[in-house]
Amino acid sequence: MDLDLRVDFDAEQLTGRVVLSLARHDNSKPLQLDTRGLDIRGVTWVGGGQLAYELGERRGVLGRSLVVNLPPGADQVVVDY
């Protein structure tokens, strides 16, 4: 994981990007992440381009799920928020 954050003290807000390195055991299953407190701006994969994603319904303290269907060979995903 490589995390890059920017702090806006006036707006009391963090924006950033995380690069996740994945060890995929089943290429048919989507990547599922929790997005509690995050406003997702986009998902891409290293070596590719934009990826379609879905945000699930808010589930209490868990927040919303981020579900991304990854193409074969995608072993690094970038999430901008």
Protein backbone atom coordinates (compact mmCIF):
# COMPACT_ATOMS: atom_id res chain seq x y z
CA MET A 1 0.00 0.00 0.00
CA ASP A 2 1.24 3.46 -0.94
CA LEU A 3 -0.77 6.33 0.56
CA ASP A 4 -0.60 9.98 -0.54
CA LEU A 5 -2.69 12.50 1.42
CA ARG A 6 -3.20 16.25 1.12
CA VAL A 7 -4.46 18.26 4.07
CA ASP A 8 -6.71 21.30 3.71
CA PHE A 9 -6.84 22.76 7.20
CA ASP A 10 -9.27 25.54 6.25
CA ALA A 11 -11.80 23.08 4.85
CA GLU A 12 -10.93 20.46 7.50
CA GLN A 13 -10.59 17.90 4.74
CA LEU A 14 -8.16 15.22 3.55
CA THR A 15 -7.92 14.25 -0.11
CA GLY A 16 -5.69 11.57 -1.42
CA ARG A 17 -4.82 8.49 -3.34
CA VAL A 18 -3.94 4.98 -2.32
CA VAL A 19 -2.18 2.40 -4.48
CA LEU A 20 -3.06 -1.12 -3.40
CA SER A 21 -0.85 -4.05 -4.42
CA LEU A 22 -2.94 -7.20 -4.69
CA ALA A 23 -2.20 -10.91 -4.49
CA ARG A 24 -5.17 -12.30 -6.38
CA HIS A 25 -6.08 -15.94 -5.90
CA ASP A 26 -9.33 -15.88 -7.88
CA ASN A 27 -9.51 -13.51 -10.86
CA SER A 28 -13.27 -14.00 -11.12
CA LYS A 29 -14.02 -12.28 -7.78
CA PRO A 30 -14.33 -8.50 -7.50
CA LEU A 31 -12.27 -6.35 -5.17
CA GLN A 32 -14.39 -5.21 -2.22
CA LEU A 33 -13.33 -2.38 0.09
CA ASP A 34 -14.95 -0.30 2.83
CA THR A 35 -15.33 3.42 2.15
CA ARG A 36 -16.48 4.68 5.54
CA GLY A 37 -16.09 8.46 5.53
CA LEU A 38 -14.60 8.57 2.01
CA ASP A 39 -15.89 10.28 -1.12
CA ILE A 40 -14.56 8.11 -3.97
CA ARG A 41 -13.51 10.15 -7.04
CA GLY A 42 -12.22 7.33 -9.23
CA VAL A 43 -10.59 3.92 -9.52
CA THR A 44 -7.86 2.99 -12.00
CA TRP A 45 -5.40 0.16 -12.39
CA VAL A 46 -1.67 0.50 -12.93
CA GLY A 47 -0.93 -0.47 -16.52
CA GLY A 48 -4.53 0.13 -17.59
CA GLY A 49 -7.06 2.86 -17.22
CA GLN A 50 -10.28 3.81 -15.49
CA LEU A 51 -12.22 0.99 -13.86
CA ALA A 52 -15.96 0.89 -13.35
CA TYR A 53 -16.98 0.60 -9.72
CA GLU A 54 -20.12 0.47 -7.63
CA LEU A 55 -20.83 1.88 -4.21
CA GLY A 56 -23.18 -0.15 -2.05
CA GLU A 57 -25.75 1.11 0.40
CA ARG A 58 -24.55 2.67 3.66
CA ARG A 59 -24.38 -0.02 6.36
CA GLY A 60 -24.09 1.62 9.76
CA VAL A 61 -20.56 1.77 11.12
CA LEU A 62 -19.22 -0.15 8.10
CA GLY A 63 -19.93 2.65 5.64
CA ARG A 64 -20.47 1.79 1.98
CA SER A 65 -18.79 -1.03 0.10
CA LEU A 66 -16.69 -0.22 -2.96
CA VAL A 67 -16.91 -3.07 -5.47
CA VAL A 68 -14.51 -3.13 -8.42
CA ASN A 69 -14.44 -5.80 -11.12
CA LEU A 70 -10.79 -6.17 -12.09
CA PRO A 71 -9.46 -7.33 -15.43
CA PRO A 72 -7.07 -10.31 -15.50
CA GLY A 73 -3.55 -9.24 -14.63
CA ALA A 74 -4.58 -6.19 -12.61
CA ASP A 75 -2.40 -6.48 -9.53
CA GLN A 76 -2.25 -2.79 -8.54
CA VAL A 77 -5.31 -0.60 -8.08
CA VAL A 78 -5.40 3.15 -7.47
CA VAL A 79 -8.29 4.68 -5.54
CA ASP A 80 -8.67 8.47 -5.55
CA TYR A 81 -10.76 10.10 -2.85
